Protein backbone atom coordinates (compact mmCIF):
# COMPACT_ATOMS: atom_id res chain seq x y z
CA MET A 1 0.00 0.00 0.00
CA ALA A 2 1.10 3.58 -0.66
CA GLU A 3 1.76 6.04 2.12
CA GLU A 4 0.76 9.72 1.77
CA ARG A 5 3.22 12.23 3.18
CA GLY A 6 2.63 15.84 4.11
CA ASP A 7 5.47 17.42 2.14
CA GLY A 8 3.63 18.64 -0.94
CA GLY A 9 1.33 15.63 -1.18
CA ARG A 10 4.02 13.30 -2.40
CA ILE A 11 3.22 9.60 -2.62
CA VAL A 12 5.63 6.97 -1.38
CA PRO A 13 4.85 3.80 -3.32
CA ALA A 14 5.13 0.37 -1.78
CA PRO A 15 8.53 -1.26 -2.32
CA PRO A 16 8.72 -3.19 -5.58
CA ALA A 17 7.77 -6.83 -5.56
CA THR A 18 10.26 -9.49 -6.42
CA HIS A 19 11.45 -9.53 -10.02
CA SER A 20 8.94 -10.79 -12.59
CA GLY A 21 11.11 -13.72 -13.61
CA GLU A 22 14.54 -15.29 -13.34
CA LYS A 23 16.99 -13.72 -15.76
CA SER A 24 19.16 -15.90 -17.97
CA LEU A 25 22.88 -15.87 -17.30
CA ASP A 26 24.07 -16.97 -20.73
CA VAL A 27 21.47 -15.66 -23.19
CA TRP A 28 19.11 -12.73 -23.53
CA GLY A 29 16.09 -12.31 -21.33
CA PHE A 30 14.25 -14.57 -18.91
CA THR A 31 14.81 -18.28 -18.38
CA ASP A 32 11.17 -19.11 -19.13
CA SER A 33 11.35 -17.65 -22.64
CA ARG A 34 13.32 -18.86 -25.64
CA PHE A 35 13.12 -20.11 -29.21
CA GLU A 36 13.68 -23.86 -29.44
CA VAL A 37 13.30 -26.69 -31.93
CA GLY A 38 10.89 -29.44 -30.97
CA ALA A 39 11.12 -33.15 -31.75
CA ASP A 40 9.07 -32.46 -34.89
CA GLY A 41 11.80 -30.13 -36.19
CA GLU A 42 9.60 -27.04 -35.88
CA VAL A 43 10.46 -23.89 -33.96
CA ARG A 44 8.39 -22.79 -30.99
CA PHE A 45 8.68 -20.04 -28.40
CA THR A 46 8.43 -21.18 -24.80
CA GLY A 47 6.78 -19.66 -21.73
CA GLN A 48 3.77 -17.39 -21.30
CA ARG A 49 5.38 -13.96 -21.12
CA TYR A 50 4.80 -12.68 -24.68
CA PRO A 51 2.02 -12.94 -27.28
CA ILE A 52 4.25 -15.31 -29.26
CA SER A 53 4.82 -17.57 -26.23
CA GLY A 54 3.63 -21.16 -26.56
CA LYS A 55 3.21 -20.80 -30.33
CA ILE A 56 4.63 -22.99 -33.10
CA LEU A 57 6.42 -21.02 -35.85
CA PRO A 58 6.45 -23.41 -38.82
CA ASP A 59 7.79 -20.93 -41.39
CA LEU A 60 10.81 -19.56 -39.54
CA LEU A 61 13.53 -22.07 -40.43
CA PRO A 62 12.29 -22.75 -44.00
CA TRP A 63 12.26 -19.01 -44.67
CA ALA A 64 15.70 -18.53 -43.10
CA ARG A 65 17.13 -21.37 -45.22
CA GLU A 66 15.95 -19.63 -48.35
CA ILE A 67 17.14 -16.15 -47.38
CA ILE A 68 20.53 -17.23 -46.01
CA ASP A 69 20.90 -19.93 -48.70
CA ALA A 70 22.22 -22.46 -46.18
CA PRO A 71 21.03 -25.91 -45.01
CA LEU A 72 20.09 -25.03 -41.38
CA ASP A 73 19.42 -28.55 -40.19
CA PRO A 74 17.47 -28.10 -36.92
CA LEU A 75 19.26 -31.12 -35.44
CA ASP A 76 22.73 -29.87 -36.42
CA VAL A 77 23.53 -27.27 -33.76
CA HIS A 78 26.64 -25.55 -32.49
CA GLU A 79 26.51 -26.71 -28.89
CA SER A 80 27.41 -24.13 -26.28
CA ARG A 81 30.32 -24.70 -23.90
CA TYR A 82 28.92 -22.25 -21.36
CA PRO A 83 30.23 -21.50 -18.83
CA THR A 84 33.61 -21.14 -20.46
CA PRO A 85 36.72 -20.93 -18.20
CA VAL A 86 36.60 -18.04 -15.74
CA PRO A 87 39.90 -16.25 -15.01
CA GLU A 88 41.36 -16.46 -11.52
CA ARG A 89 40.45 -13.68 -9.14
CA VAL A 90 42.66 -10.73 -8.30
CA ALA A 91 41.88 -10.49 -4.61
CA ASN A 92 42.13 -7.37 -2.47
CA LEU A 93 41.38 -8.72 0.99
CA ALA A 94 41.48 -5.41 2.85
CA PHE A 95 39.02 -3.90 0.36
CA GLU A 96 36.72 -6.91 0.56
CA GLN A 97 36.77 -6.98 4.35
CA GLU A 98 35.83 -3.31 4.57
CA LEU A 99 32.95 -3.85 2.12
CA ALA A 100 31.71 -6.89 3.98
CA ALA A 101 31.56 -4.87 7.19
CA ALA A 102 29.80 -1.94 5.52
CA LEU A 103 27.34 -3.76 3.23
CA GLY A 104 27.07 -7.18 4.79
CA PRO A 105 28.99 -10.20 3.47
CA GLU A 106 25.83 -11.55 1.78
CA HIS A 107 25.98 -8.63 -0.65
CA LEU A 108 29.42 -9.56 -1.94
CA SER A 109 29.95 -12.40 -4.38
CA THR A 110 32.99 -14.15 -5.75
CA ASP A 111 30.99 -16.94 -7.43
CA PRO A 112 32.62 -17.65 -10.82
CA GLN A 113 29.35 -17.62 -12.79
CA ASP A 114 28.22 -14.42 -11.09
CA ARG A 115 31.55 -12.82 -11.97
CA LEU A 116 31.32 -14.11 -15.54
CA ARG A 117 27.84 -12.66 -16.04
CA HIS A 118 28.99 -9.26 -14.79
CA GLY A 119 31.91 -9.24 -17.22
CA HIS A 120 29.93 -8.92 -20.43
CA GLY A 121 26.93 -7.37 -22.11
CA HIS A 122 25.15 -8.59 -25.22
CA THR A 123 27.27 -7.87 -28.25
CA GLN A 124 27.83 -10.66 -30.74
CA GLU A 125 31.43 -10.86 -29.50
CA ASP A 126 30.25 -11.18 -25.89
CA MET A 127 27.94 -14.05 -26.71
CA TRP A 128 30.53 -15.84 -28.79
CA ALA A 129 33.13 -15.50 -26.04
CA ILE A 130 30.98 -16.96 -23.27
CA HIS A 131 29.69 -19.84 -25.41
CA TYR A 132 32.64 -20.78 -27.60
CA GLY A 133 35.71 -18.91 -26.39
CA ARG A 134 36.53 -17.16 -23.15
CA LEU A 135 36.75 -13.73 -21.56
CA ALA A 136 40.33 -12.82 -20.73
CA ARG A 137 39.30 -10.71 -17.73
CA VAL A 138 36.13 -10.56 -15.64
CA PRO A 139 35.29 -8.77 -12.37
CA ASP A 140 36.99 -10.23 -9.33
CA LEU A 141 34.11 -9.31 -7.10
CA VAL A 142 30.41 -8.47 -7.49
CA VAL A 143 29.10 -5.94 -4.98
CA ARG A 144 25.42 -5.13 -4.44
CA PRO A 145 24.95 -1.91 -2.45
CA GLY A 146 21.48 -1.24 -1.07
CA SER A 147 21.45 2.56 -0.78
CA PRO A 148 23.20 5.69 -2.08
CA ALA A 149 25.04 5.84 1.23
CA GLN A 150 26.43 2.35 0.66
CA VAL A 151 27.48 3.33 -2.87
CA ARG A 152 29.38 6.24 -1.30
CA GLN A 153 31.10 3.90 1.16
CA LEU A 154 32.01 1.58 -1.69
CA VAL A 155 33.57 4.34 -3.81
CA GLU A 156 35.54 5.71 -0.85
CA ALA A 157 36.82 2.22 -0.01
CA ALA A 158 37.84 1.61 -3.62
CA ALA A 159 39.85 4.84 -3.63
CA ARG A 160 41.59 3.93 -0.37
CA HIS A 161 42.41 0.39 -1.39
CA ARG A 162 43.21 1.13 -5.05
CA ALA A 163 40.43 -0.99 -6.48
CA CYS A 164 38.63 -0.50 -9.80
CA LEU A 165 34.85 -0.10 -10.07
CA ILE A 166 32.60 -0.83 -13.06
CA PRO A 167 28.89 0.07 -12.66
CA TYR A 168 26.38 -2.59 -13.72
CA GLY A 169 22.67 -2.06 -14.40
CA GLY A 170 20.77 -4.64 -16.43
CA GLY A 171 23.74 -6.05 -18.33
CA THR A 172 22.05 -5.43 -21.68
CA ASN A 173 24.59 -3.13 -23.34
CA VAL A 174 25.68 -3.80 -26.91
CA SER A 175 28.87 -1.75 -26.98
CA ASP A 176 31.35 -3.90 -24.98
CA ALA A 177 30.98 -1.36 -22.16
CA LEU A 178 31.10 -4.08 -19.46
CA ARG A 179 34.19 -5.82 -20.81
CA CYS A 180 36.99 -5.53 -18.26
CA PRO A 181 40.20 -3.97 -19.56
CA GLY A 182 42.66 -6.80 -20.08
CA GLU A 183 45.57 -4.72 -18.81
CA GLU A 184 43.88 -3.87 -15.47
CA ARG A 185 45.95 -5.31 -12.61
CA ARG A 186 43.86 -3.96 -9.72
CA CYS A 187 40.96 -5.83 -8.17
CA ILE A 188 37.87 -5.08 -10.30
CA ALA A 189 34.53 -4.84 -8.53
CA SER A 190 31.32 -4.90 -10.54
CA VAL A 191 28.84 -2.59 -8.80
CA ASP A 192 25.43 -4.20 -9.36
CA LEU A 193 22.65 -1.70 -8.60
CA GLY A 194 19.87 -4.30 -8.64
CA ARG A 195 18.93 -3.60 -5.02
CA LEU A 196 18.24 0.09 -5.79
CA ARG A 197 14.87 -0.48 -7.50
CA ARG A 198 12.49 1.85 -5.68
CA VAL A 199 10.42 4.74 -6.86
CA VAL A 200 11.34 6.88 -3.84
CA TRP A 201 8.46 9.32 -4.24
CA ILE A 202 5.85 10.50 -6.71
CA ASP A 203 4.81 14.15 -6.89
CA PRO A 204 1.39 13.98 -8.62
CA GLU A 205 0.83 17.74 -8.56
CA ASN A 206 4.07 18.60 -10.34
CA ARG A 207 4.27 15.31 -12.25
CA MET A 208 7.70 14.30 -11.09
CA ALA A 209 9.12 11.18 -9.49
CA CYS A 210 12.38 10.28 -7.80
CA ILE A 211 13.56 6.83 -8.93
CA GLU A 212 16.58 4.77 -7.95
CA ALA A 213 19.05 3.92 -10.68
CA GLY A 214 18.70 0.14 -10.53
CA ALA A 215 14.98 0.15 -11.37
CA THR A 216 14.15 -1.59 -14.65
CA GLY A 217 11.36 -0.50 -16.94
CA LEU A 218 9.16 -3.22 -15.45
CA ASP A 219 9.97 -2.02 -11.92
CA ILE A 220 9.11 1.57 -12.79
CA ASP A 221 5.81 0.69 -14.44
CA ALA A 222 4.84 -1.55 -11.52
CA GLN A 223 5.30 1.32 -9.06
CA LEU A 224 4.05 4.27 -11.10
CA GLY A 225 1.10 2.52 -12.78
CA PRO A 226 -1.09 1.96 -9.70
CA HIS A 227 -0.95 5.72 -9.06
CA GLY A 228 -1.97 6.58 -12.61
CA PHE A 229 1.41 7.53 -14.06
CA THR A 230 4.02 6.36 -16.53
CA LEU A 231 7.56 7.41 -17.42
CA GLY A 232 6.89 6.53 -21.05
CA HIS A 233 10.48 5.50 -21.74
CA GLU A 234 10.38 2.15 -23.52
CA PRO A 235 13.58 0.99 -25.23
CA ASP A 236 13.71 -2.47 -26.78
CA SER A 237 15.48 -3.68 -23.61
CA TYR A 238 12.88 -2.04 -21.34
CA GLU A 239 12.16 -5.23 -19.35
CA LEU A 240 15.80 -5.67 -18.32
CA SER A 241 17.64 -2.36 -18.64
CA THR A 242 17.66 0.23 -15.86
CA LEU A 243 17.16 3.94 -15.34
CA GLY A 244 20.84 4.33 -14.46
CA GLY A 245 21.82 2.50 -17.62
CA TRP A 246 19.51 4.67 -19.71
CA ILE A 247 21.17 7.77 -18.29
CA ALA A 248 24.70 6.41 -18.67
CA THR A 249 24.15 5.48 -22.33
CA HIS A 250 22.04 8.50 -23.39
CA ALA A 251 19.18 6.18 -24.25
CA SER A 252 16.14 6.53 -26.49
CA GLY A 253 12.82 4.70 -26.36
CA MET A 254 10.26 3.53 -28.89
CA LYS A 255 7.71 6.14 -27.70
CA LYS A 256 10.05 9.11 -27.70
CA ASN A 257 7.70 11.08 -30.02
CA ARG A 258 5.29 11.47 -27.12
CA TYR A 259 7.52 11.30 -24.05
CA GLY A 260 10.99 12.30 -25.23
CA ASN A 261 14.41 10.70 -24.97
CA ILE A 262 16.12 10.18 -21.62
CA GLU A 263 17.74 13.63 -21.67
CA ASP A 264 14.27 15.15 -22.05
CA LEU A 265 12.93 13.19 -19.07
CA VAL A 266 15.69 13.71 -16.49
CA LEU A 267 15.22 16.85 -14.39
CA SER A 268 17.96 16.16 -11.88
CA LEU A 269 20.20 13.29 -10.88
CA GLU A 270 22.37 12.19 -8.00
CA ALA A 271 25.64 10.38 -8.46
CA VAL A 272 28.66 9.27 -6.48
CA THR A 273 32.01 10.08 -8.05
CA ALA A 274 35.61 9.69 -6.94
CA SER A 275 35.55 13.42 -6.14
CA GLY A 276 32.39 13.25 -4.01
CA ASP A 277 28.62 13.33 -4.45
CA LEU A 278 26.86 15.16 -7.26
CA ALA A 279 23.45 16.39 -6.10
CA ARG A 280 21.14 19.40 -6.22
CA SER A 281 19.14 20.99 -3.43
CA GLN A 282 16.00 21.45 -5.52
CA VAL A 283 14.42 20.62 -8.85
CA ALA A 284 12.92 23.21 -11.19
CA PRO A 285 11.19 22.85 -14.57
CA ARG A 286 14.20 24.50 -16.19
CA GLU A 287 17.03 26.75 -15.07
CA SER A 288 20.10 28.55 -16.32
CA VAL A 289 22.94 27.97 -13.89
CA GLY A 290 25.90 27.45 -16.17
CA GLY A 291 27.28 23.96 -16.54
CA ASP A 292 25.49 21.43 -14.35
CA PRO A 293 28.11 18.77 -13.46
CA ALA A 294 25.43 16.14 -13.02
CA ARG A 295 24.59 16.47 -16.72
CA TRP A 296 28.06 15.21 -17.53
CA LEU A 297 26.88 11.81 -16.32
CA ILE A 298 24.37 11.53 -19.18
CA GLY A 299 26.17 9.41 -21.75
CA SER A 300 29.26 8.92 -19.56
CA GLU A 301 29.04 5.09 -19.76
CA GLY A 302 30.37 4.42 -16.27
CA ARG A 303 33.65 6.29 -16.58
CA LEU A 304 32.87 9.25 -14.30
CA GLY A 305 30.80 7.82 -11.46
CA ILE A 306 27.72 5.89 -10.43
CA VAL A 307 24.25 7.36 -10.87
CA THR A 308 22.21 6.43 -7.78
CA ARG A 309 18.84 8.12 -8.42
CA ALA A 310 17.17 10.69 -10.62
CA VAL A 311 14.17 13.00 -10.55
CA VAL A 312 12.27 12.53 -13.80
CA LYS A 313 9.14 13.79 -15.51
CA ILE A 314 6.15 11.50 -15.36
CA PHE A 315 2.92 11.49 -17.36
CA PRO A 316 -0.66 10.41 -16.70
CA LEU A 317 -1.39 6.94 -18.01
CA PRO A 318 -2.91 7.38 -21.46
CA GLU A 319 -6.69 7.20 -21.61
CA VAL A 320 -6.44 5.44 -24.97
CA ARG A 321 -3.74 3.18 -26.38
CA ARG A 322 -4.36 2.04 -29.96
CA PHE A 323 -2.17 0.24 -32.45
CA GLY A 324 -2.26 0.47 -36.19
CA SER A 325 -0.33 -0.47 -39.32
CA VAL A 326 0.00 0.61 -42.93
CA LEU A 327 1.37 -1.23 -45.96
CA PHE A 328 3.30 0.64 -48.64
CA ARG A 329 4.40 -0.57 -52.04
CA ASP A 330 8.10 0.05 -51.36
CA PHE A 331 10.49 1.52 -48.82
CA GLU A 332 10.80 4.84 -50.63
CA GLN A 333 7.05 5.37 -50.51
CA GLY A 334 6.95 4.58 -46.80
CA PHE A 335 9.89 6.91 -46.20
CA ALA A 336 8.11 9.79 -47.94
CA PHE A 337 5.11 9.16 -45.68
CA LEU A 338 7.30 9.33 -42.54
CA ARG A 339 8.87 12.58 -43.69
CA ASP A 340 5.47 14.19 -44.14
CA VAL A 341 4.22 12.82 -40.80
CA GLN A 342 7.10 14.62 -39.10
CA ARG A 343 6.74 17.83 -41.09
CA LEU A 344 3.04 18.04 -40.32
CA GLY A 345 3.63 17.41 -36.61
CA ILE A 346 1.31 14.40 -36.39
CA ALA A 347 3.77 11.66 -35.35
CA PRO A 348 2.12 9.14 -32.99
CA ALA A 349 3.87 7.86 -29.85
CA SER A 350 5.66 5.23 -31.94
CA ILE A 351 6.02 4.92 -35.71
CA ARG A 352 8.41 2.46 -37.34
CA LEU A 353 9.00 1.54 -40.97
CA MET A 354 10.38 -1.91 -41.85
CA ASP A 355 12.05 -2.65 -45.15
CA ASN A 356 10.85 -5.56 -47.26
CA LEU A 357 13.23 -8.16 -45.84
CA GLN A 358 12.29 -7.28 -42.28
CA PHE A 359 8.62 -7.35 -43.23
CA GLN A 360 9.13 -10.87 -44.60
CA PHE A 361 10.91 -11.82 -41.38
CA GLY A 362 7.87 -10.69 -39.41
CA GLN A 363 5.64 -12.83 -41.61
CA ALA A 364 7.93 -15.84 -41.04
CA LEU A 365 7.42 -15.39 -37.29
CA LYS A 366 3.65 -15.77 -37.52
CA PRO A 367 2.32 -18.69 -35.47
CA ARG A 368 0.64 -21.62 -37.16
CA ARG A 369 -2.95 -20.87 -38.08
CA GLN A 370 -5.75 -23.36 -37.83
CA GLY A 371 -9.24 -23.73 -39.25
CA LEU A 372 -10.75 -20.45 -40.40
CA GLY A 373 -7.45 -18.69 -39.61
CA ILE A 374 -5.84 -20.43 -42.59
CA TRP A 375 -8.53 -19.21 -44.97
CA LYS A 376 -8.44 -15.72 -43.52
CA SER A 377 -4.68 -15.54 -44.06
CA ARG A 378 -4.99 -16.71 -47.67
CA LEU A 379 -7.77 -14.24 -48.42
CA GLU A 380 -5.80 -11.37 -46.89
CA ARG A 381 -2.73 -12.25 -48.97
CA ALA A 382 -4.78 -12.54 -52.16
CA PHE A 383 -6.47 -9.19 -51.51
CA VAL A 384 -3.16 -7.39 -50.92
CA THR A 385 -1.24 -8.91 -53.81
CA ARG A 386 -3.82 -9.61 -56.52
CA ILE A 387 -6.44 -6.93 -55.97
CA LYS A 388 -4.34 -4.10 -54.52
CA GLY A 389 -1.26 -4.98 -56.58
CA PHE A 390 1.37 -5.02 -53.82
CA GLU A 391 4.49 -7.01 -54.77
CA VAL A 392 5.63 -9.52 -52.14
CA ASP A 393 9.33 -8.79 -52.68
CA ARG A 394 8.93 -4.99 -52.49
CA MET A 395 6.14 -4.15 -50.05
CA VAL A 396 6.94 -2.75 -46.61
CA ALA A 397 5.04 -2.21 -43.36
CA CYS A 398 4.76 0.71 -40.98
CA THR A 399 3.61 0.01 -37.41
CA LEU A 400 1.91 2.69 -35.32
CA LEU A 401 1.09 3.26 -31.65
CA PHE A 402 -1.21 6.11 -30.62
CA GLU A 403 -1.46 7.19 -26.98
CA GLY A 404 -3.39 9.99 -25.30
CA ASN A 405 -6.94 11.01 -24.58
CA ALA A 406 -9.71 9.67 -26.79
CA ASP A 407 -10.31 12.86 -28.79
CA ALA A 408 -6.62 13.51 -29.41
CA VAL A 409 -5.96 9.93 -30.53
CA ALA A 410 -8.97 9.93 -32.84
CA ALA A 411 -7.83 13.19 -34.44
CA GLN A 412 -4.30 11.90 -34.81
CA GLU A 413 -5.48 8.66 -36.40
CA ARG A 414 -7.56 10.60 -38.95
CA SER A 415 -4.55 12.73 -39.87
CA VAL A 416 -2.07 9.86 -40.06
CA TYR A 417 -4.28 7.46 -42.02
CA GLY A 418 -5.42 10.25 -44.33
CA LEU A 419 -1.80 11.08 -45.09
CA ALA A 420 -1.01 7.39 -45.61
CA ALA A 421 -3.77 7.14 -48.19
CA ARG A 422 -2.30 10.11 -50.07
CA HIS A 423 0.96 8.16 -50.19
CA ARG A 424 -0.91 5.14 -51.62
CA GLY A 425 -0.62 3.24 -48.36
CA MET A 426 -3.18 0.68 -47.25
CA GLN A 427 -4.32 0.28 -43.66
CA ALA A 428 -3.37 -3.17 -42.37
CA GLY A 429 -5.14 -3.15 -39.02
CA ALA A 430 -4.53 -2.82 -35.30
CA GLU A 431 -3.73 -6.51 -34.85
CA ASN A 432 -0.73 -6.33 -37.16
CA GLY A 433 0.42 -3.10 -35.54
CA GLU A 434 0.27 -4.55 -32.04
CA ARG A 435 1.92 -7.76 -33.16
CA GLY A 436 4.77 -5.81 -34.75
CA TYR A 437 5.26 -3.69 -31.64
CA GLN A 438 5.18 -6.60 -29.21
CA LEU A 439 7.53 -8.68 -31.36
CA THR A 440 10.20 -6.12 -30.48
CA PHE A 441 10.53 -7.66 -27.02
CA SER A 442 10.47 -11.34 -28.01
CA ILE A 443 12.56 -10.96 -31.16
CA ALA A 444 15.59 -10.08 -29.03
CA TYR A 445 15.75 -13.76 -28.09
CA ILE A 446 16.27 -14.94 -31.64
CA ARG A 447 19.96 -14.00 -31.90
CA ASP A 448 20.85 -16.55 -29.23
CA PHE A 449 18.73 -19.22 -30.94
CA MET A 450 20.26 -18.57 -34.34
CA ILE A 451 23.85 -18.76 -33.13
CA ARG A 452 23.17 -22.45 -32.35
CA GLN A 453 21.99 -22.85 -35.95
CA TYR A 454 25.33 -21.47 -37.19
CA ILE A 455 24.03 -17.97 -37.88
CA LEU A 456 25.79 -14.95 -36.37
CA ALA A 457 23.52 -11.93 -36.06
CA GLU A 458 23.50 -8.50 -34.47
CA SER A 459 21.86 -5.09 -34.79
CA PHE A 460 23.43 -1.63 -34.93
CA GLU A 461 21.95 1.83 -35.29
CA THR A 462 22.62 5.37 -36.41
CA ALA A 463 20.92 8.74 -36.83
CA VAL A 464 21.08 10.59 -40.13
CA PRO A 465 19.54 13.71 -41.74
CA TRP A 466 16.45 13.16 -43.88
CA SER A 467 18.27 14.09 -47.09
CA GLN A 468 20.87 11.35 -46.65
CA ALA A 469 18.79 8.57 -45.13
CA LEU A 470 17.80 6.60 -48.24
CA ASP A 471 21.31 6.70 -49.68
CA LEU A 472 22.73 5.56 -46.33
CA CYS A 473 20.37 2.56 -46.25
CA ARG A 474 21.31 1.53 -49.77
CA ASN A 475 25.05 2.08 -49.30
CA VAL A 476 25.33 0.15 -46.04
CA LYS A 477 23.41 -2.82 -47.44
CA GLN A 478 25.54 -2.82 -50.58
CA ARG A 479 28.77 -2.56 -48.58
CA LEU A 480 27.87 -5.55 -46.40
CA TRP A 481 26.99 -7.66 -49.45
CA GLN A 482 30.35 -6.71 -50.99
CA GLU A 483 32.34 -7.47 -47.85
CA HIS A 484 30.57 -10.81 -47.46
CA ALA A 485 31.38 -11.78 -51.05
CA LYS A 486 34.96 -10.52 -50.79
CA ARG A 487 35.65 -13.00 -47.98
CA GLY A 488 34.01 -15.91 -49.77
CA LEU A 489 31.63 -16.58 -46.91
CA PRO A 490 29.01 -19.29 -47.43
CA GLY A 491 25.42 -18.60 -48.39
CA LYS A 492 23.97 -15.09 -48.59
CA PRO A 493 24.03 -12.37 -45.93
CA PHE A 494 20.89 -11.13 -44.23
CA VAL A 495 20.93 -7.33 -44.32
CA SER A 496 17.83 -5.45 -43.28
CA CYS A 497 16.87 -2.09 -41.82
CA ARG A 498 14.02 -0.18 -40.27
CA ILE A 499 13.41 3.43 -39.30
CA THR A 500 12.49 3.64 -35.63
CA GLN A 501 12.47 7.31 -34.56
CA LEU A 502 11.67 10.58 -36.27
CA TYR A 503 13.15 14.02 -35.64
CA GLN A 504 12.66 17.36 -37.31
CA THR A 505 16.13 16.99 -38.80
CA GLY A 506 16.33 13.27 -39.54
CA VAL A 507 15.71 9.69 -38.45
CA CYS A 508 17.14 6.81 -36.45
CA ILE A 509 17.88 3.74 -38.57
CA TYR A 510 18.41 0.24 -37.18
CA PHE A 511 20.33 -2.32 -39.25
CA TYR A 512 20.15 -6.09 -38.76
CA PHE A 513 22.99 -8.17 -40.19
CA ALA A 514 23.54 -11.93 -40.14
CA PHE A 515 25.51 -14.60 -41.98
CA TYR A 516 25.93 -18.40 -41.95
CA TYR A 517 29.23 -19.34 -40.31
CA LYS A 518 29.52 -23.13 -40.28
CA SER A 519 33.07 -24.17 -41.26
CA VAL A 520 34.16 -20.51 -41.16
CA GLU A 521 37.33 -19.93 -39.15
CA ASN A 522 37.37 -17.01 -36.73
CA ALA A 523 33.69 -16.34 -37.45
CA SER A 524 33.21 -13.88 -34.61
CA GLU A 525 36.25 -11.83 -35.64
CA LEU A 526 35.01 -11.81 -39.24
CA TYR A 527 31.63 -10.59 -38.11
CA ALA A 528 33.30 -7.75 -36.20
CA GLU A 529 35.26 -6.81 -39.33
CA LEU A 530 32.10 -6.60 -41.39
CA GLU A 531 30.29 -4.60 -38.73
CA ARG A 532 33.19 -2.11 -38.67
CA ALA A 533 32.97 -1.84 -42.45
CA ALA A 534 29.27 -1.06 -42.09
CA ARG A 535 30.07 1.65 -39.53
CA GLU A 536 32.66 3.15 -41.88
CA GLU A 537 29.98 3.32 -44.55
CA ILE A 538 27.50 4.85 -42.10
CA LEU A 539 29.93 7.64 -41.21
CA ARG A 540 30.84 8.17 -44.87
CA ALA A 541 27.15 8.53 -45.71
CA GLY A 542 26.55 11.16 -43.01
CA GLY A 543 25.27 8.99 -40.18
CA SER A 544 26.13 9.27 -36.49
CA LEU A 545 28.49 6.95 -34.66
CA SER A 546 25.57 5.91 -32.46
CA HIS A 547 22.01 7.07 -31.85
CA HIS A 548 21.46 5.46 -28.45
CA HIS A 549 23.65 2.36 -28.01
CA GLY A 550 26.65 4.40 -26.91
CA ILE A 551 30.34 3.97 -27.66
CA GLY A 552 31.72 1.65 -24.97
CA LYS A 553 34.81 -0.03 -26.36
CA LEU A 554 33.22 -1.30 -29.55
CA ARG A 555 33.22 2.03 -31.42
CA GLN A 556 36.13 3.87 -29.80
CA ARG A 557 38.30 3.65 -32.88
CA PHE A 558 35.85 5.88 -34.75
CA LEU A 559 35.85 8.77 -32.27
CA PRO A 560 38.59 10.75 -34.09
CA GLN A 561 36.26 10.82 -37.10
CA VAL A 562 33.54 12.37 -34.95
CA PHE A 563 35.36 14.80 -32.63
CA SER A 564 38.21 17.24 -33.20
CA GLU A 565 41.50 16.77 -31.35
CA ALA A 566 40.55 19.52 -28.92
CA ALA A 567 37.18 17.91 -28.20
CA LEU A 568 38.80 14.53 -27.53
CA ALA A 569 41.34 16.22 -25.25
CA TRP A 570 38.53 17.92 -23.30
CA ARG A 571 36.91 14.56 -22.71
CA GLU A 572 40.14 13.09 -21.37
CA ARG A 573 40.91 16.10 -19.18
CA LEU A 574 37.46 15.91 -17.63
CA LYS A 575 38.10 12.28 -16.74
CA GLN A 576 41.50 13.10 -15.26
CA ALA A 577 40.10 16.02 -13.27
CA VAL A 578 37.21 14.20 -11.59
CA ASP A 579 38.79 10.74 -11.32
CA PRO A 580 42.58 11.19 -11.29
CA GLU A 581 43.19 7.72 -9.81
CA ASN A 582 40.89 6.09 -12.37
CA VAL A 583 38.66 4.48 -9.76
CA PHE A 584 36.06 4.03 -12.50
CA GLY A 585 38.43 2.18 -14.77
CA CYS A 586 36.02 0.68 -17.28
CA ALA A 587 38.06 2.21 -20.15
CA ASN A 588 34.94 3.37 -21.97
CA ARG A 589 35.14 6.59 -23.93
């Protein structure tokens, strides 16, 4: 139950319940959810967590065989060797004894699998290393503080005992940010903020909330929702990633059109650094006070300190939440529609355009239909292709999510669908829109299924001005096809993209890249080479180094192409000034 307090009518929500499911150590997501091949050779998705859960997906592997042009025998799998060997610990007994006294020994862990999990995120290289190779260095200790005060004690102890700290939120990063520097000789402690999950208070009058940094998207919704509010920040990793991680990586969410990106939502934050605490005495809607040091933590990726809590904007739960979808004859037509949606100021909470290959992928993930469902599917396909004249190998889909009060959503739907019709788009229904949106959460599991089928896959993103977006999409796809052919890799590459966020000045584009690697030596290293080639092409075509994934260690080599020498020097001098002993030695940039 919530407790009302007298200071401005703030609400103190009940502490969060236990986590909604056990998280996997070696693959993405929750242990109850995964793609697997049954005895009948067909793919199914386990559990009950997602709309796709418990469903048989008969078309997935046949479609993948055709697209990748590889055998993909469901019984021929690359068996994991997880857990791979874990390096010996670098112990710092005085440091560990002080932490045990301050936090309680039960909140320190030297378990090898716990250490291994805290030494990686979810890049392709991370997954390959823990299943088929090894990590050269992992944290020597996992520490779980339970309050900002304990975080402060931890940082002070690390400085005294010359230990290295690496903050850990949900472990979902895709930039090698959690990889321990191989040259680090000090004891490395992973600071897991999973105990800091509370919404500390809700201010309903001023629509603000104070939230601890270890709260996941699920935690935040579970505590704000009963009081009629939402944060509205919903990245693909929303179930597992944390507020502190969103701040540290400068994150963006699928509904940013309505609620904003993380920098738009954060009003104030508290952090513990090697130089002391960063905090403010009050929170205002906006202020001009020169440089706010706390803002340096946004996008800092763990190199400057540990975010412990933040005051954020919150919004009333939407009165209406409606999905929709539109089919277009080709990607260029859908792109023109998106551009006009943005120019006219009618963008719904979420609007995403898939290219043809990704649209086909979505169709391959449809569960088996039975009875009348089979006939309905055939009739729908015949209507779209024969009567409306859409070509199967060119058509694309745009998924929509509208949120707000009933009148506003109805008006927005009229504007958006009217504009779609002027671009020769065809409404494809709320069911397809919702299915496309919800697949975002379950589709993340497929990379770890496909690696067992000898397919390496990963996603990467960029932001680019409107005028350069179409050329960038074409050039990156072409470059990856060329690099794949140049190396004589088997089969055909899977290269797909979608536009996920709109801005006045441009768009965010997600790429998905995969190839068949059976009998390929150094497959993971080759994949990394091709991904770097794609990033070179992105930068050449006018795209950003990252839109919201961050830099970590994966993209550091490209920073001189983004910043001037003086700008890079400023970044390094800031680090040296606030953390001269490199307590936060994650080596991210």
